[in-house]
């Protein structure tokens, strides 16, 4: 016997079907609109206007810092393309992101994990993801060296300089810290035992291991993206040359044999190539060669002059940042990894890419001392990192 719906059942069925189709249509429209939002206008140097309201002064300050260094500009609500509204207190933060043009809410979320700073960073990450379609940098970390009582020590902190802690107390000197990809650990050059040697440092346990044991210079450690290979500069054969080894320092292979100085190795995103600086053909310029060895190729930087140093290859493989030094003054520049006309960005040294391949952390002289700053490459917006030590330099961004 077949079931025959009565008029009331038919009406309810139609209503339910209508509701389902309406919800489905709204979902599809929301998805399409969300995809449209992921056009990063600030890649062209245009800051995205956003307003902030309803938060405590502390949360507002954190949100402003995070967003303005990633391509946004905090403006009054009448000028905003997006509105971030919410409330914040000791135990919970709520945030609602609204598209000013359509009036549509992009998300409405609550945050109750961690302290106020942690919750604000999480909210800023969600805004970046919703508008730009990329991961935010709110929970990333940096390492750097800071001067304490006349000596350089290693520090780690949040990307904005907060929650900094000193991880060495050798009362000697250190140089060139670099993160182990995907791990809470560092490699750096230590002078604790006299001559400079590369050491690894597990930040969880505090354990350290000596990676090199050569006479002369052992420095500029750079881990491959998979964390298994180590590029470094050694002078054990005479002049400083580029070498590659396993991450524990074994199976060392020499890649360059010039009489001039090589420096600053950095890996390509696929781990197949290494970029470095060399004065082998007159003037200090950028070069790349296969990580397994071969012929070095010079990378053109166009009309950018001076000595080129401190190269860093972006995680997405598209860009190389470097310092151009003319008359003792450094300028942060970027060039496509295949070469071309480099773009000068800001006065400073020691550039290092963030995981998003958009921001750089670097060192600049300010008020007579070395300090760290963050640079949004597309918009050239700069913000200072919180100062922990008397002077700070040679930053490295965890990836």
Protein backbone atom coordinates (compact mmCIF):
# COMPACT_ATOMS: atom_id res chain seq x y z
CA UNK A 1 0.00 0.00 0.00
CA UNK A 2 1.44 3.32 -1.04
CA UNK A 3 1.47 6.32 1.28
CA UNK A 4 -0.56 9.26 0.03
CA UNK A 5 0.33 12.60 1.60
CA UNK A 6 -2.53 14.82 2.60
CA UNK A 7 -2.59 18.55 1.81
CA UNK A 8 -1.04 19.44 5.16
CA UNK A 9 1.85 17.02 4.67
CA UNK A 10 2.42 18.31 1.14
CA UNK A 11 2.53 21.91 2.39
CA UNK A 12 5.03 21.05 5.13
CA UNK A 13 7.17 19.17 2.65
CA UNK A 14 7.21 22.13 0.30
CA UNK A 15 8.07 24.51 3.12
CA UNK A 16 10.90 22.25 4.30
CA UNK A 17 12.24 21.90 0.78
CA UNK A 18 12.09 25.65 0.34
CA UNK A 19 14.03 26.20 3.53
CA UNK A 20 16.66 23.68 2.46
CA UNK A 21 17.07 25.29 -0.95
CA UNK A 22 17.23 28.76 0.61
CA UNK A 23 19.92 27.66 3.05
CA UNK A 24 21.81 25.93 0.26
CA UNK A 25 21.62 29.02 -1.93
CA UNK A 26 22.85 31.20 0.93
CA UNK A 27 25.70 28.80 1.52
CA UNK A 28 26.73 28.85 -2.14
CA UNK A 29 26.46 32.65 -2.33
CA UNK A 30 28.48 32.97 0.86
CA UNK A 31 31.14 30.63 -0.51
CA UNK A 32 31.38 32.54 -3.79
CA UNK A 33 31.53 35.87 -1.98
CA UNK A 34 34.21 34.50 0.32
CA UNK A 35 36.25 33.43 -2.71
CA UNK A 36 35.92 36.94 -4.14
CA UNK A 37 37.30 38.38 -0.91
CA UNK A 38 40.52 36.47 -1.33
CA UNK A 39 41.79 39.03 -3.82
CA UNK A 40 44.72 40.56 -2.01
CA UNK A 41 44.56 44.19 -3.05
CA UNK A 42 47.43 45.02 -0.73
CA UNK A 43 49.73 42.92 -2.93
CA UNK A 44 49.59 45.95 -5.21
CA UNK A 45 50.53 48.28 -2.39
CA UNK A 46 46.95 49.22 -1.48
CA UNK A 47 46.22 49.05 2.24
CA UNK A 48 42.83 47.50 3.07
CA UNK A 49 40.76 49.85 5.28
CA UNK A 50 39.27 48.20 8.36
CA UNK A 51 37.62 49.62 11.49
CA UNK A 52 37.89 48.22 15.04
CA UNK A 53 35.28 48.75 17.73
CA UNK A 54 34.07 47.24 21.00
CA UNK A 55 37.41 45.88 22.25
CA UNK A 56 39.56 46.79 25.25
CA UNK A 57 42.46 49.13 24.62
CA UNK A 58 44.93 46.25 24.96
CA UNK A 59 43.10 44.03 22.48
CA UNK A 60 42.66 46.95 20.08
CA UNK A 61 46.39 47.68 20.24
CA UNK A 62 47.30 44.06 19.46
CA UNK A 63 44.79 43.82 16.61
CA UNK A 64 45.98 47.09 15.11
CA UNK A 65 49.62 45.95 15.21
CA UNK A 66 48.89 42.54 13.69
CA UNK A 67 46.62 43.81 10.93
CA UNK A 68 48.57 46.92 9.94
CA UNK A 69 51.74 44.93 9.38
CA UNK A 70 49.84 42.52 7.09
CA UNK A 71 48.33 45.00 4.66
CA UNK A 72 45.41 46.55 6.54
CA UNK A 73 44.88 50.14 7.66
CA UNK A 74 42.75 50.94 10.72
CA UNK A 75 40.32 53.75 9.84
CA UNK A 76 37.00 55.19 11.08
CA UNK A 77 33.97 53.04 10.32
CA UNK A 78 32.74 55.40 7.58
CA UNK A 79 35.95 54.79 5.60
CA UNK A 80 36.23 51.04 6.20
CA UNK A 81 35.82 48.26 3.67
CA UNK A 82 35.57 45.83 6.60
CA UNK A 83 34.38 46.27 10.16
CA UNK A 84 35.72 44.20 13.04
CA UNK A 85 33.29 44.48 15.95
CA UNK A 86 33.30 42.68 19.25
CA UNK A 87 33.88 42.66 22.95
CA UNK A 88 36.78 41.55 25.10
CA UNK A 89 37.37 40.85 28.73
CA UNK A 90 39.56 38.81 31.04
CA UNK A 91 38.13 35.41 30.13
CA UNK A 92 36.74 35.71 26.61
CA UNK A 93 37.01 37.61 23.36
CA UNK A 94 34.28 37.84 20.72
CA UNK A 95 34.77 39.11 17.21
CA UNK A 96 32.49 39.73 14.24
CA UNK A 97 33.89 40.61 10.83
CA UNK A 98 31.54 42.47 8.53
CA UNK A 99 31.88 43.38 4.85
CA UNK A 100 30.93 47.06 4.73
CA UNK A 101 29.90 46.93 1.09
CA UNK A 102 27.42 44.05 1.26
CA UNK A 103 26.63 44.28 4.97
CA UNK A 104 27.28 40.55 5.23
CA UNK A 105 28.91 39.01 8.29
CA UNK A 106 31.99 37.01 7.29
CA UNK A 107 32.27 35.36 10.69
CA UNK A 108 31.17 35.71 14.30
CA UNK A 109 33.37 33.79 16.75
CA UNK A 110 34.29 33.54 20.39
CA UNK A 111 37.81 33.00 21.74
CA UNK A 112 38.45 31.73 25.25
CA UNK A 113 41.83 29.98 24.93
CA UNK A 114 44.97 31.55 26.37
CA UNK A 115 45.48 35.08 27.64
CA UNK A 116 44.23 38.31 26.09
CA UNK A 117 47.24 38.61 23.80
CA UNK A 118 46.87 35.05 22.53
CA UNK A 119 43.14 35.52 21.85
CA UNK A 120 43.73 38.77 19.97
CA UNK A 121 46.40 37.12 17.79
CA UNK A 122 43.96 34.31 16.97
CA UNK A 123 41.27 36.82 15.97
CA UNK A 124 43.70 38.75 13.77
CA UNK A 125 44.71 35.49 12.08
CA UNK A 126 41.05 34.77 11.33
CA UNK A 127 40.61 38.23 9.80
CA UNK A 128 43.65 37.75 7.56
CA UNK A 129 42.41 34.33 6.49
CA UNK A 130 38.88 35.59 5.77
CA UNK A 131 39.93 38.63 3.74
CA UNK A 132 43.24 37.63 2.14
CA UNK A 133 42.92 33.85 2.10
CA UNK A 134 46.38 33.40 3.65
CA UNK A 135 47.58 32.34 7.09
CA UNK A 136 48.23 35.11 9.58
CA UNK A 137 51.49 35.55 11.51
CA UNK A 138 49.93 36.18 14.92
CA UNK A 139 51.29 33.02 16.54
CA UNK A 140 54.72 32.90 14.86
CA UNK A 141 58.06 33.35 16.61
CA UNK A 142 61.40 34.96 15.93
CA UNK A 143 64.91 34.37 17.25
CA UNK A 144 67.57 37.04 17.40
CA UNK A 145 70.69 38.02 19.22
CA UNK A 146 70.53 40.64 21.95
CA UNK A 147 73.34 42.45 23.71
CA UNK A 148 73.51 41.85 27.45
CA UNK A 149 76.35 43.31 29.57
CA UNK A 150 78.50 43.74 26.49
CA UNK A 151 77.95 40.22 25.13
CA UNK A 152 75.60 38.90 22.45
CA UNK A 153 73.14 36.22 23.64
CA UNK A 154 70.35 34.35 21.82
CA UNK A 155 66.73 35.35 22.48
CA UNK A 156 63.41 34.00 21.23
CA UNK A 157 60.09 35.84 21.33
CA UNK A 158 56.71 36.19 19.71
CA UNK A 159 56.95 37.80 16.28
CA UNK A 160 56.17 41.23 17.76
CA UNK A 161 58.87 40.95 20.45
CA UNK A 162 56.57 40.11 23.36
CA UNK A 163 57.16 37.12 25.66
CA UNK A 164 60.90 37.29 24.97
CA UNK A 165 63.29 35.03 26.83
CA UNK A 166 67.07 34.68 26.77
CA UNK A 167 68.02 31.11 25.83
CA UNK A 168 71.80 31.41 26.21
CA UNK A 169 73.79 32.87 29.06
CA UNK A 170 77.31 32.13 27.85
CA UNK A 171 78.75 35.59 28.47
CA UNK A 172 80.74 35.25 25.24
CA UNK A 173 79.26 35.95 21.80
CA UNK A 174 76.85 34.31 19.38
CA UNK A 175 75.90 34.99 15.77
CA UNK A 176 73.52 34.03 12.96
CA UNK A 177 70.68 32.15 14.71
CA UNK A 178 68.42 30.14 12.41
CA UNK A 179 65.40 27.96 13.17
CA UNK A 180 65.18 24.24 12.54
CA UNK A 181 62.17 23.99 10.20
CA UNK A 182 59.07 22.74 11.99
CA UNK A 183 60.86 22.32 15.32
CA UNK A 184 61.41 24.29 18.51
CA UNK A 185 65.14 24.47 18.02
CA UNK A 186 67.93 26.61 16.64
CA UNK A 187 71.35 26.48 15.03
CA UNK A 188 73.77 29.35 15.59
CA UNK A 189 77.44 30.20 15.79
CA UNK A 190 78.93 30.23 19.28
CA UNK A 191 82.25 31.66 20.43
CA UNK A 192 81.98 30.08 23.87
CA UNK A 193 84.90 27.69 23.28
CA UNK A 194 87.06 30.30 21.58
CA UNK A 195 86.92 29.82 17.81
CA UNK A 196 83.51 30.18 16.14
CA UNK A 197 81.66 26.89 15.76
CA UNK A 198 78.09 25.96 14.87
CA UNK A 199 75.91 24.44 17.59
CA UNK A 200 72.36 23.12 17.68
CA UNK A 201 70.05 24.03 20.56
CA UNK A 202 66.88 22.17 21.56
CA UNK A 203 64.70 24.87 23.12
CA UNK A 204 62.46 22.36 24.92
CA UNK A 205 65.17 20.48 26.79
CA UNK A 206 67.93 23.08 26.65
CA UNK A 207 70.33 20.48 25.22
CA UNK A 208 73.06 21.75 22.92
CA UNK A 209 75.30 19.87 20.52
CA UNK A 210 78.43 21.03 18.74
CA UNK A 211 77.97 20.52 14.98
CA UNK A 212 81.38 21.67 13.68
CA UNK A 213 84.85 21.14 15.12
CA UNK A 214 87.05 22.83 12.54
CA UNK A 215 89.70 25.47 12.98
CA UNK A 216 88.95 28.85 11.43
CA UNK A 217 85.48 30.11 10.57
CA UNK A 218 82.36 27.95 11.02
CA UNK A 219 79.22 30.02 10.58
CA UNK A 220 76.04 30.94 8.63
CA UNK A 221 74.15 27.73 9.31
CA UNK A 222 71.06 27.26 7.12
CA UNK A 223 68.78 24.23 7.34
CA UNK A 224 67.07 22.81 4.25
CA UNK A 225 63.25 23.07 4.21
CA UNK A 226 62.93 19.45 5.34
CA UNK A 227 65.43 20.05 8.15
CA UNK A 228 67.74 17.24 7.03
CA UNK A 229 70.58 19.12 5.33
CA UNK A 230 72.83 21.89 6.59
CA UNK A 231 74.45 24.57 4.45
CA UNK A 232 77.25 26.55 6.09
CA UNK A 233 80.34 28.62 5.50
CA UNK A 234 83.65 27.04 6.55
CA UNK A 235 87.21 28.30 6.11
CA UNK A 236 88.97 25.05 6.98
CA UNK A 237 90.45 24.87 3.44
CA UNK A 238 91.69 28.47 3.50
CA UNK A 239 89.14 30.99 2.22
CA UNK A 240 85.48 30.90 3.39
CA UNK A 241 83.59 28.50 1.11
CA UNK A 242 80.11 26.99 0.93
CA UNK A 243 79.65 23.47 2.29
CA UNK A 244 76.69 21.13 2.73
CA UNK A 245 76.37 18.33 5.29
CA UNK A 246 73.82 16.25 7.10
CA UNK A 247 72.07 18.11 9.91
CA UNK A 248 74.43 16.56 12.49
CA UNK A 249 77.47 17.90 10.61
CA UNK A 250 78.50 14.59 9.07
CA UNK A 251 79.16 13.82 5.39
CA UNK A 252 80.51 17.28 4.60
CA UNK A 253 80.67 18.25 0.91
CA UNK A 254 82.44 21.36 -0.38
CA UNK A 255 80.44 23.21 -3.05
CA UNK A 256 82.64 26.23 -3.87
CA UNK A 257 86.40 26.49 -4.28
CA UNK A 258 87.04 30.15 -5.02
CA UNK A 259 89.78 32.17 -3.35
CA UNK A 260 87.27 34.92 -2.60
CA UNK A 261 84.73 34.90 0.21
CA UNK A 262 81.34 33.17 0.08
CA UNK A 263 78.66 33.95 2.67
CA UNK A 264 74.98 33.85 3.68
CA UNK A 265 73.60 30.58 2.23
CA UNK A 266 69.83 30.15 1.97
CA UNK A 267 67.78 27.27 0.52
CA UNK A 268 65.17 27.26 -2.23
CA UNK A 269 61.67 26.13 -1.26
CA UNK A 270 62.14 22.71 -2.90
CA UNK A 271 65.53 22.17 -1.28
CA UNK A 272 67.27 21.66 -4.63
CA UNK A 273 69.22 24.92 -4.82
CA UNK A 274 71.18 27.21 -2.53
CA UNK A 275 71.53 30.96 -2.93
CA UNK A 276 74.61 32.64 -1.47
CA UNK A 277 76.74 35.74 -1.87
CA UNK A 278 80.20 35.74 -3.39
CA UNK A 279 82.88 38.15 -4.57
CA UNK A 280 84.32 35.56 -6.94
CA UNK A 281 83.75 37.64 -10.09
CA UNK A 282 84.26 41.12 -8.70
CA UNK A 283 81.84 42.81 -6.35
CA UNK A 284 79.73 40.89 -3.84
CA UNK A 285 76.69 39.55 -5.72
CA UNK A 286 74.01 36.85 -5.49
CA UNK A 287 74.59 33.36 -6.88
CA UNK A 288 72.72 30.05 -6.91
CA UNK A 289 73.92 26.52 -7.46
CA UNK A 290 72.46 23.02 -7.08
CA UNK A 291 72.56 21.70 -3.50
CA UNK A 292 74.36 18.63 -4.83
CA UNK A 293 77.08 20.75 -6.46
CA UNK A 294 77.67 22.21 -9.88
CA UNK A 295 78.22 25.53 -11.60
CA UNK A 296 77.20 28.69 -9.79
CA UNK A 297 74.89 31.07 -11.65
CA UNK A 298 74.85 34.78 -10.94
CA UNK A 299 71.42 36.30 -10.20
CA UNK A 300 70.82 39.69 -11.75
CA UNK A 301 69.60 42.44 -9.42
CA UNK A 302 69.34 45.09 -12.14
CA UNK A 303 70.54 48.57 -11.27
CA UNK A 304 70.87 47.90 -7.54
CA UNK A 305 74.49 48.59 -6.69
CA UNK A 306 76.77 48.22 -3.70
CA UNK A 307 77.84 45.05 -1.97
CA UNK A 308 75.07 42.48 -1.66
CA UNK A 309 74.84 40.41 1.49
CA UNK A 310 72.44 38.61 3.88
CA UNK A 311 70.32 36.78 1.31
CA UNK A 312 67.11 35.01 2.36
CA UNK A 313 64.91 32.96 0.00
CA UNK A 314 61.16 33.26 0.62
CA UNK A 315 59.32 30.09 1.72
CA UNK A 316 57.15 30.15 -1.42
CA UNK A 317 60.27 30.23 -3.59
CA UNK A 318 59.35 33.40 -5.48
CA UNK A 319 61.60 36.05 -3.91
CA UNK A 320 65.05 36.61 -2.49
CA UNK A 321 65.51 39.37 0.07
CA UNK A 322 68.96 40.83 0.63
CA UNK A 323 70.87 43.84 1.92
CA UNK A 324 72.57 46.25 -0.48
CA UNK A 325 75.36 48.14 1.28
CA UNK A 326 76.59 51.43 -0.18
CA UNK A 327 78.89 53.68 1.80
CA UNK A 328 78.28 51.70 4.97
CA UNK A 329 74.52 52.15 4.72
CA UNK A 330 72.31 49.11 4.19
CA UNK A 331 69.05 48.95 2.25
CA UNK A 332 66.60 46.03 2.35
CA UNK A 333 65.79 44.88 -1.19
CA UNK A 334 63.85 42.05 -2.84
CA UNK A 335 64.25 40.47 -6.27
CA UNK A 336 62.50 37.63 -8.06
CA UNK A 337 64.35 34.38 -7.46
CA UNK A 338 65.06 34.06 -11.19
CA UNK A 339 66.65 37.53 -11.18
CA UNK A 340 65.56 40.90 -12.52
CA UNK A 341 65.23 44.47 -11.34
CA UNK A 342 65.45 44.44 -7.54
CA UNK A 343 63.17 46.67 -5.47
CA UNK A 344 64.65 48.73 -2.63
CA UNK A 345 62.27 48.80 0.35
CA UNK A 346 63.68 50.33 3.52
CA UNK A 347 66.95 51.26 5.23
CA UNK A 348 68.22 48.34 7.26
CA UNK A 349 70.05 45.00 7.34
CA UNK A 350 69.57 41.29 8.14
CA UNK A 351 66.23 40.62 6.35
CA UNK A 352 64.43 37.33 7.04
CA UNK A 353 61.11 36.19 5.56
CA UNK A 354 58.02 35.27 7.57
CA UNK A 355 56.25 31.97 6.81
CA UNK A 356 53.70 33.91 4.71
CA UNK A 357 56.41 35.09 2.22
CA UNK A 358 55.01 38.58 2.61
CA UNK A 359 56.58 40.08 5.73
CA UNK A 360 60.23 40.57 6.62
CA UNK A 361 61.89 41.05 9.99
CA UNK A 362 65.09 43.08 9.84
CA UNK A 363 67.52 45.19 11.84
CA UNK A 364 67.80 48.96 11.61
CA UNK A 365 69.59 51.69 13.49
CA UNK A 366 67.16 53.80 15.50
CA UNK A 367 68.05 56.41 18.11
CA UNK A 368 71.66 55.23 18.02
CA UNK A 369 71.04 51.54 18.68
CA UNK A 370 70.27 48.38 16.76
CA UNK A 371 66.60 47.42 16.89
CA UNK A 372 64.32 44.99 15.04
CA UNK A 373 61.41 45.97 12.82
CA UNK A 374 58.78 44.25 10.70
CA UNK A 375 58.16 45.18 7.08
CA UNK A 376 55.07 44.46 4.97
CA UNK A 377 56.70 44.13 1.55
CA UNK A 378 53.70 45.03 -0.68
CA UNK A 379 52.72 48.18 1.23
CA UNK A 380 56.18 48.97 2.72
CA UNK A 381 54.51 49.50 6.12
CA UNK A 382 57.01 49.18 9.00
CA UNK A 383 56.43 48.49 12.69
CA UNK A 384 59.05 48.11 15.41
CA UNK A 385 59.47 44.91 17.38
CA UNK A 386 59.36 45.34 21.15
CA UNK A 387 62.87 46.01 22.44
CA UNK A 388 64.07 43.41 24.94
CA UNK A 389 67.84 43.82 25.07
CA UNK A 390 69.94 46.97 24.75
CA UNK A 391 70.58 46.15 21.10
CA UNK A 392 69.06 43.49 18.85
CA UNK A 393 70.15 42.12 15.48
CA UNK A 394 70.33 39.12 13.12
CA UNK A 395 66.69 38.03 13.41
CA UNK A 396 65.34 34.71 12.15
CA UNK A 397 61.63 33.94 11.66
CA UNK A 398 60.46 30.43 12.56
CA UNK A 399 58.88 28.51 9.67
